[in-house]
PDB file of N, CA and C in Angstrom:
ATOM      1  N   MET A   1     -33.588  10.830 -30.089  1.00  0.00           N
ATOM      2  CA  MET A   1     -32.576  10.249 -30.934  1.00  0.00           C
ATOM      3  C   MET A   1     -33.293   9.313 -31.928  1.00  0.00           C
ATOM      4  N   ASN A   2     -32.984   9.518 -33.197  1.00  0.00           N
ATOM      5  CA  ASN A   2     -33.624   8.660 -34.191  1.00  0.00           C
ATOM      6  C   ASN A   2     -32.793   7.394 -34.428  1.00  0.00           C
ATOM      7  N   GLU A   3     -33.298   6.525 -35.264  1.00  0.00           N
ATOM      8  CA  GLU A   3     -32.675   5.214 -35.496  1.00  0.00           C
ATOM      9  C   GLU A   3     -31.299   5.345 -36.156  1.00  0.00           C
ATOM     10  N   GLU A   4     -31.140   6.278 -37.066  1.00  0.00           N
ATOM     11  CA  GLU A   4     -29.848   6.461 -37.747  1.00  0.00           C
ATOM     12  C   GLU A   4     -28.784   6.953 -36.768  1.00  0.00           C
ATOM     13  N   GLU A   5     -29.121   7.889 -35.921  1.00  0.00           N
ATOM     14  CA  GLU A   5     -28.178   8.379 -34.910  1.00  0.00           C
ATOM     15  C   GLU A   5     -27.797   7.253 -33.946  1.00  0.00           C
ATOM     16  N   PHE A   6     -28.775   6.420 -33.593  1.00  0.00           N
ATOM     17  CA  PHE A   6     -28.503   5.295 -32.702  1.00  0.00           C
ATOM     18  C   PHE A   6     -27.519   4.327 -33.359  1.00  0.00           C
ATOM     19  N   ARG A   7     -27.700   4.038 -34.665  1.00  0.00           N
ATOM     20  CA  ARG A   7     -26.770   3.145 -35.377  1.00  0.00           C
ATOM     21  C   ARG A   7     -25.373   3.745 -35.440  1.00  0.00           C
ATOM     22  N   GLU A   8     -25.279   5.035 -35.667  1.00  0.00           N
ATOM     23  CA  GLU A   8     -23.974   5.705 -35.714  1.00  0.00           C
ATOM     24  C   GLU A   8     -23.278   5.618 -34.359  1.00  0.00           C
ATOM     25  N   LEU A   9     -24.037   5.856 -33.293  1.00  0.00           N
ATOM     26  CA  LEU A   9     -23.447   5.741 -31.950  1.00  0.00           C
ATOM     27  C   LEU A   9     -23.027   4.308 -31.651  1.00  0.00           C
ATOM     28  N   THR A  10     -23.831   3.346 -32.069  1.00  0.00           N
ATOM     29  CA  THR A  10     -23.499   1.936 -31.857  1.00  0.00           C
ATOM     30  C   THR A  10     -22.227   1.578 -32.611  1.00  0.00           C
ATOM     31  N   THR A  11     -22.112   2.040 -33.847  1.00  0.00           N
ATOM     32  CA  THR A  11     -20.914   1.787 -34.656  1.00  0.00           C
ATOM     33  C   THR A  11     -19.684   2.421 -33.998  1.00  0.00           C
ATOM     34  N   ALA A  12     -19.812   3.645 -33.550  1.00  0.00           N
ATOM     35  CA  ALA A  12     -18.703   4.332 -32.890  1.00  0.00           C
ATOM     36  C   ALA A  12     -18.309   3.595 -31.612  1.00  0.00           C
ATOM     37  N   TYR A  13     -19.301   3.154 -30.840  1.00  0.00           N
ATOM     38  CA  TYR A  13     -19.031   2.424 -29.608  1.00  0.00           C
ATOM     39  C   TYR A  13     -18.280   1.128 -29.911  1.00  0.00           C
ATOM     40  N   GLU A  14     -18.732   0.386 -30.925  1.00  0.00           N
ATOM     41  CA  GLU A  14     -18.071  -0.863 -31.299  1.00  0.00           C
ATOM     42  C   GLU A  14     -16.634  -0.623 -31.748  1.00  0.00           C
ATOM     43  N   MET A  15     -16.411   0.480 -32.463  1.00  0.00           N
ATOM     44  CA  MET A  15     -15.050   0.817 -32.885  1.00  0.00           C
ATOM     45  C   MET A  15     -14.171   1.122 -31.674  1.00  0.00           C
ATOM     46  N   LEU A  16     -14.709   1.884 -30.725  1.00  0.00           N
ATOM     47  CA  LEU A  16     -13.948   2.214 -29.521  1.00  0.00           C
ATOM     48  C   LEU A  16     -13.627   0.968 -28.706  1.00  0.00           C
ATOM     49  N   VAL A  17     -14.587   0.061 -28.588  1.00  0.00           N
ATOM     50  CA  VAL A  17     -14.347  -1.186 -27.861  1.00  0.00           C
ATOM     51  C   VAL A  17     -13.244  -1.980 -28.558  1.00  0.00           C
ATOM     52  N   GLY A  18     -13.276  -2.029 -29.882  1.00  0.00           N
ATOM     53  CA  GLY A  18     -12.238  -2.728 -30.641  1.00  0.00           C
ATOM     54  C   GLY A  18     -10.865  -2.121 -30.406  1.00  0.00           C
ATOM     55  N   ILE A  19     -10.819  -0.798 -30.371  1.00  0.00           N
ATOM     56  CA  ILE A  19      -9.543  -0.111 -30.124  1.00  0.00           C
ATOM     57  C   ILE A  19      -9.023  -0.432 -28.733  1.00  0.00           C
ATOM     58  N   VAL A  20      -9.892  -0.406 -27.737  1.00  0.00           N
ATOM     59  CA  VAL A  20      -9.475  -0.702 -26.360  1.00  0.00           C
ATOM     60  C   VAL A  20      -8.977  -2.144 -26.257  1.00  0.00           C
ATOM     61  N   VAL A  21      -9.641  -3.059 -26.922  1.00  0.00           N
ATOM     62  CA  VAL A  21      -9.206  -4.470 -26.905  1.00  0.00           C
ATOM     63  C   VAL A  21      -7.820  -4.596 -27.535  1.00  0.00           C
ATOM     64  N   LYS A  22      -7.616  -3.950 -28.685  1.00  0.00           N
ATOM     65  CA  LYS A  22      -6.302  -3.986 -29.354  1.00  0.00           C
ATOM     66  C   LYS A  22      -5.219  -3.382 -28.470  1.00  0.00           C
ATOM     67  N   LEU A  23      -5.525  -2.252 -27.820  1.00  0.00           N
ATOM     68  CA  LEU A  23      -4.544  -1.635 -26.917  1.00  0.00           C
ATOM     69  C   LEU A  23      -4.210  -2.569 -25.758  1.00  0.00           C
ATOM     70  N   GLY A  24      -5.225  -3.235 -25.224  1.00  0.00           N
ATOM     71  CA  GLY A  24      -4.983  -4.193 -24.149  1.00  0.00           C
ATOM     72  C   GLY A  24      -4.076  -5.322 -24.596  1.00  0.00           C
ATOM     73  N   GLU A  25      -4.267  -5.816 -25.814  1.00  0.00           N
ATOM     74  CA  GLU A  25      -3.417  -6.879 -26.345  1.00  0.00           C
ATOM     75  C   GLU A  25      -1.982  -6.395 -26.519  1.00  0.00           C
ATOM     76  N   ARG A  26      -1.833  -5.166 -27.004  1.00  0.00           N
ATOM     77  CA  ARG A  26      -0.477  -4.622 -27.181  1.00  0.00           C
ATOM     78  C   ARG A  26       0.219  -4.430 -25.841  1.00  0.00           C
ATOM     79  N   VAL A  27      -0.503  -3.954 -24.844  1.00  0.00           N
ATOM     80  CA  VAL A  27       0.083  -3.783 -23.513  1.00  0.00           C
ATOM     81  C   VAL A  27       0.522  -5.143 -22.963  1.00  0.00           C
ATOM     82  N   GLU A  28      -0.282  -6.160 -23.181  1.00  0.00           N
ATOM     83  CA  GLU A  28       0.065  -7.509 -22.724  1.00  0.00           C
ATOM     84  C   GLU A  28       1.353  -7.988 -23.389  1.00  0.00           C
ATOM     85  N   HIS A  29       1.497  -7.748 -24.700  1.00  0.00           N
ATOM     86  CA  HIS A  29       2.726  -8.137 -25.403  1.00  0.00           C
ATOM     87  C   HIS A  29       3.930  -7.360 -24.867  1.00  0.00           C
ATOM     88  N   ILE A  30       3.735  -6.075 -24.614  1.00  0.00           N
ATOM     89  CA  ILE A  30       4.832  -5.254 -24.076  1.00  0.00           C
ATOM     90  C   ILE A  30       5.245  -5.757 -22.696  1.00  0.00           C
ATOM     91  N   GLU A  31       4.278  -6.083 -21.847  1.00  0.00           N
ATOM     92  CA  GLU A  31       4.585  -6.589 -20.506  1.00  0.00           C
ATOM     93  C   GLU A  31       5.375  -7.890 -20.582  1.00  0.00           C
ATOM     94  N   LYS A  32       4.978  -8.793 -21.472  1.00  0.00           N
ATOM     95  CA  LYS A  32       5.704 -10.052 -21.629  1.00  0.00           C
ATOM     96  C   LYS A  32       7.130  -9.797 -22.105  1.00  0.00           C
ATOM     97  N   TYR A  33       7.291  -8.874 -23.046  1.00  0.00           N
ATOM     98  CA  TYR A  33       8.622  -8.552 -23.555  1.00  0.00           C
ATOM     99  C   TYR A  33       9.509  -7.977 -22.451  1.00  0.00           C
ATOM    100  N   VAL A  34       8.961  -7.031 -21.695  1.00  0.00           N
ATOM    101  CA  VAL A  34       9.737  -6.382 -20.629  1.00  0.00           C
ATOM    102  C   VAL A  34      10.138  -7.396 -19.554  1.00  0.00           C
ATOM    103  N   GLN A  35       9.262  -8.344 -19.256  1.00  0.00           N
ATOM    104  CA  GLN A  35       9.586  -9.355 -18.253  1.00  0.00           C
ATOM    105  C   GLN A  35      10.735 -10.241 -18.697  1.00  0.00           C
ATOM    106  N   ASN A  36      10.939 -10.384 -19.998  1.00  0.00           N
ATOM    107  CA  ASN A  36      12.003 -11.247 -20.509  1.00  0.00           C
ATOM    108  C   ASN A  36      13.315 -10.526 -20.750  1.00  0.00           C
ATOM    109  N   ILE A  37      13.340  -9.197 -20.568  1.00  0.00           N
ATOM    110  CA  ILE A  37      14.590  -8.452 -20.732  1.00  0.00           C
ATOM    111  C   ILE A  37      15.505  -8.806 -19.567  1.00  0.00           C
ATOM    112  N   PRO A  38      16.732  -9.240 -19.873  1.00  0.00           N
ATOM    113  CA  PRO A  38      17.630  -9.598 -18.774  1.00  0.00           C
ATOM    114  C   PRO A  38      18.034  -8.375 -17.948  1.00  0.00           C
ATOM    115  N   THR A  39      17.991  -8.535 -16.649  1.00  0.00           N
ATOM    116  CA  THR A  39      18.431  -7.477 -15.747  1.00  0.00           C
ATOM    117  C   THR A  39      19.924  -7.682 -15.478  1.00  0.00           C
ATOM    118  N   PRO A  40      20.613  -6.662 -14.987  1.00  0.00           N
ATOM    119  CA  PRO A  40      22.061  -6.794 -14.774  1.00  0.00           C
ATOM    120  C   PRO A  40      22.453  -8.006 -13.929  1.00  0.00           C
ATOM    121  N   ASP A  41      21.614  -8.377 -12.963  1.00  0.00           N
ATOM    122  CA  ASP A  41      21.975  -9.529 -12.137  1.00  0.00           C
ATOM    123  C   ASP A  41      21.815 -10.847 -12.881  1.00  0.00           C
ATOM    124  N   LYS A  42      21.139 -10.820 -14.039  1.00  0.00           N
ATOM    125  CA  LYS A  42      20.965 -12.035 -14.832  1.00  0.00           C
ATOM    126  C   LYS A  42      21.966 -12.133 -15.986  1.00  0.00           C
ATOM    127  N   VAL A  43      22.663 -11.034 -16.287  1.00  0.00           N
ATOM    128  CA  VAL A  43      23.654 -11.050 -17.364  1.00  0.00           C
ATOM    129  C   VAL A  43      24.926 -11.660 -16.804  1.00  0.00           C
ATOM    130  N   MET A  44      25.320 -12.766 -17.390  1.00  0.00           N
ATOM    131  CA  MET A  44      26.485 -13.483 -16.875  1.00  0.00           C
ATOM    132  C   MET A  44      27.605 -13.465 -17.915  1.00  0.00           C
ATOM    133  N   TYR A  45      28.839 -13.416 -17.421  1.00  0.00           N
ATOM    134  CA  TYR A  45      30.021 -13.402 -18.279  1.00  0.00           C
ATOM    135  C   TYR A  45      31.100 -14.216 -17.593  1.00  0.00           C
ATOM    136  N   ARG A  46      31.817 -15.002 -18.381  1.00  0.00           N
ATOM    137  CA  ARG A  46      32.915 -15.795 -17.822  1.00  0.00           C
ATOM    138  C   ARG A  46      34.224 -15.196 -18.310  1.00  0.00           C
ATOM    139  N   PRO A  47      34.940 -14.517 -17.419  1.00  0.00           N
ATOM    140  CA  PRO A  47      36.227 -13.945 -17.802  1.00  0.00           C
ATOM    141  C   PRO A  47      37.230 -15.063 -18.149  1.00  0.00           C
ATOM    142  N   ARG A  48      38.189 -14.700 -18.995  1.00  0.00           N
ATOM    143  CA  ARG A  48      39.244 -15.666 -19.306  1.00  0.00           C
ATOM    144  C   ARG A  48      39.929 -16.116 -18.032  1.00  0.00           C
ATOM    145  N   GLU A  49      40.399 -17.307 -18.060  1.00  0.00           N
ATOM    146  CA  GLU A  49      41.165 -17.886 -16.950  1.00  0.00           C
ATOM    147  C   GLU A  49      40.320 -18.127 -15.703  1.00  0.00           C
ATOM    148  N   THR A  50      39.003 -18.132 -15.827  1.00  0.00           N
ATOM    149  CA  THR A  50      38.162 -18.480 -14.689  1.00  0.00           C
ATOM    150  C   THR A  50      37.209 -19.592 -15.092  1.00  0.00           C
ATOM    151  N   GLU A  51      36.758 -20.326 -14.110  1.00  0.00           N
ATOM    152  CA  GLU A  51      35.842 -21.434 -14.356  1.00  0.00           C
ATOM    153  C   GLU A  51      34.387 -21.010 -14.232  1.00  0.00           C
ATOM    154  N   GLU A  52      34.129 -20.014 -13.412  1.00  0.00           N
ATOM    155  CA  GLU A  52      32.739 -19.661 -13.122  1.00  0.00           C
ATOM    156  C   GLU A  52      32.314 -18.384 -13.834  1.00  0.00           C
ATOM    157  N   TYR A  53      31.014 -18.289 -14.046  1.00  0.00           N
ATOM    158  CA  TYR A  53      30.421 -17.093 -14.644  1.00  0.00           C
ATOM    159  C   TYR A  53      30.141 -16.086 -13.536  1.00  0.00           C
ATOM    160  N   LEU A  54      30.299 -14.804 -13.870  1.00  0.00           N
ATOM    161  CA  LEU A  54      30.076 -13.726 -12.909  1.00  0.00           C
ATOM    162  C   LEU A  54      28.986 -12.798 -13.431  1.00  0.00           C
ATOM    163  N   ASN A  55      28.211 -12.220 -12.500  1.00  0.00           N
ATOM    164  CA  ASN A  55      27.239 -11.220 -12.936  1.00  0.00           C
ATOM    165  C   ASN A  55      27.964  -9.885 -13.102  1.00  0.00           C
ATOM    166  N   ILE A  56      27.246  -8.854 -13.480  1.00  0.00           N
ATOM    167  CA  ILE A  56      27.883  -7.569 -13.785  1.00  0.00           C
ATOM    168  C   ILE A  56      28.608  -6.989 -12.578  1.00  0.00           C
ATOM    169  N   LYS A  57      27.991  -7.045 -11.404  1.00  0.00           N
ATOM    170  CA  LYS A  57      28.639  -6.504 -10.206  1.00  0.00           C
ATOM    171  C   LYS A  57      29.943  -7.237  -9.916  1.00  0.00           C
ATOM    172  N   GLU A  58      29.901  -8.554  -9.985  1.00  0.00           N
ATOM    173  CA  GLU A  58      31.105  -9.343  -9.725  1.00  0.00           C
ATOM    174  C   GLU A  58      32.184  -9.046 -10.767  1.00  0.00           C
ATOM    175  N   ASN A  59      31.781  -8.830 -12.016  1.00  0.00           N
ATOM    176  CA  ASN A  59      32.751  -8.481 -13.048  1.00  0.00           C
ATOM    177  C   ASN A  59      33.382  -7.124 -12.786  1.00  0.00           C
ATOM    178  N   TYR A  60      32.551  -6.147 -12.412  1.00  0.00           N
ATOM    179  CA  TYR A  60      33.108  -4.833 -12.089  1.00  0.00           C
ATOM    180  C   TYR A  60      34.072  -4.923 -10.904  1.00  0.00           C
ATOM    181  N   ASP A  61      33.696  -5.681  -9.889  1.00  0.00           N
ATOM    182  CA  ASP A  61      34.589  -5.858  -8.735  1.00  0.00           C
ATOM    183  C   ASP A  61      35.931  -6.444  -9.180  1.00  0.00           C
ATOM    184  N   LEU A  62      35.887  -7.448 -10.047  1.00  0.00           N
ATOM    185  CA  LEU A  62      37.110  -8.074 -10.546  1.00  0.00           C
ATOM    186  C   LEU A  62      37.940  -7.083 -11.361  1.00  0.00           C
ATOM    187  N   ILE A  63      37.291  -6.333 -12.225  1.00  0.00           N
ATOM    188  CA  ILE A  63      38.000  -5.351 -13.053  1.00  0.00           C
ATOM    189  C   ILE A  63      38.677  -4.298 -12.182  1.00  0.00           C
ATOM    190  N   TYR A  64      37.943  -3.749 -11.209  1.00  0.00           N
ATOM    191  CA  TYR A  64      38.528  -2.717 -10.346  1.00  0.00           C
ATOM    192  C   TYR A  64      39.641  -3.278  -9.469  1.00  0.00           C
ATOM    193  N   LYS A  65      39.494  -4.498  -9.042  1.00  0.00           N
ATOM    194  CA  LYS A  65      40.546  -5.138  -8.251  1.00  0.00           C
ATOM    195  C   LYS A  65      41.821  -5.273  -9.090  1.00  0.00           C
ATOM    196  N   ARG A  66      41.657  -5.698 -10.352  1.00  0.00           N
ATOM    197  CA  ARG A  66      42.820  -5.845 -11.222  1.00  0.00           C
ATOM    198  C   ARG A  66      43.437  -4.490 -11.563  1.00  0.00           C
ATOM    199  N   LEU A  67      42.598  -3.460 -11.758  1.00  0.00           N
ATOM    200  CA  LEU A  67      43.126  -2.113 -12.006  1.00  0.00           C
ATOM    201  C   LEU A  67      43.919  -1.598 -10.803  1.00  0.00           C
ATOM    202  N   GLU A  68      43.383  -1.873  -9.636  1.00  0.00           N
ATOM    203  CA  GLU A  68      44.089  -1.442  -8.420  1.00  0.00           C
ATOM    204  C   GLU A  68      45.451  -2.119  -8.314  1.00  0.00           C
ATOM    205  N   VAL A  69      45.505  -3.393  -8.625  1.00  0.00           N
ATOM    206  CA  VAL A  69      46.782  -4.121  -8.604  1.00  0.00           C
ATOM    207  C   VAL A  69      47.740  -3.505  -9.610  1.00  0.00           C
ATOM    208  N   LEU A  70      47.259  -3.182 -10.798  1.00  0.00           N
ATOM    209  CA  LEU A  70      48.116  -2.558 -11.810  1.00  0.00           C
ATOM    210  C   LEU A  70      48.610  -1.191 -11.347  1.00  0.00           C
ATOM    211  N   GLU A  71      47.705  -0.378 -10.810  1.00  0.00           N
ATOM    212  CA  GLU A  71      48.099   0.956 -10.350  1.00  0.00           C
ATOM    213  C   GLU A  71      49.114   0.863  -9.218  1.00  0.00           C
ATOM    214  N   ASN A  72      48.868   0.009  -8.273  1.00  0.00           N
ATOM    215  CA  ASN A  72      49.802  -0.131  -7.145  1.00  0.00           C
ATOM    216  C   ASN A  72      51.147  -0.667  -7.619  1.00  0.00           C
ATOM    217  N   GLY A  73      51.144  -1.556  -8.574  1.00  0.00           N
ATOM    218  CA  GLY A  73      52.384  -2.093  -9.104  1.00  0.00           C
ATOM    219  C   GLY A  73      53.183  -1.033  -9.842  1.00  0.00           C
ATOM    220  N   MET A  74      52.498  -0.143 -10.564  1.00  0.00           N
ATOM    221  CA  MET A  74      53.191   0.904 -11.298  1.00  0.00           C
ATOM    222  C   MET A  74      53.708   1.975 -10.346  1.00  0.00           C
ATOM    223  N   GLN A  75      52.987   2.246  -9.250  1.00  0.00           N
ATOM    224  CA  GLN A  75      53.436   3.255  -8.295  1.00  0.00           C
ATOM    225  C   GLN A  75      54.703   2.768  -7.579  1.00  0.00           C
ATOM    226  N   GLY A  76      54.761   1.475  -7.333  1.00  0.00           N
ATOM    227  CA  GLY A  76      55.935   0.921  -6.648  1.00  0.00           C
ATOM    228  C   GLY A  76      57.179   0.920  -7.511  1.00  0.00           C
ATOM    229  N   SER A  77      57.032   1.017  -8.835  1.00  0.00           N
ATOM    230  CA  SER A  77      58.190   0.965  -9.738  1.00  0.00           C
ATOM    231  C   SER A  77      58.757   2.350 -10.020  1.00  0.00           C
ATOM    232  N   LYS A  78      58.173   3.420  -9.494  1.00  0.00           N
ATOM    233  CA  LYS A  78      58.659   4.776  -9.770  1.00  0.00           C
ATOM    234  C   LYS A  78      59.880   5.087  -8.986  1.00  0.00           C
TER     235      LYS A  78
END
């Protein structure tokens, strides 16, 4: 291997190292972003006429409970 080929390989190696470093930085940013995305248990909502905030599961339970009350009330009026 002559000196020019060695310089070309060195340049290519340095470019590849730079690319790997940049990819590592991007992965780190993506990981930080994903860690900050709220999960369903962290999403809180306060329904009208209530004092406390509920997570998604608790909200669904409340909605289905109210739907059941409505359905049962309508069935009783037939």
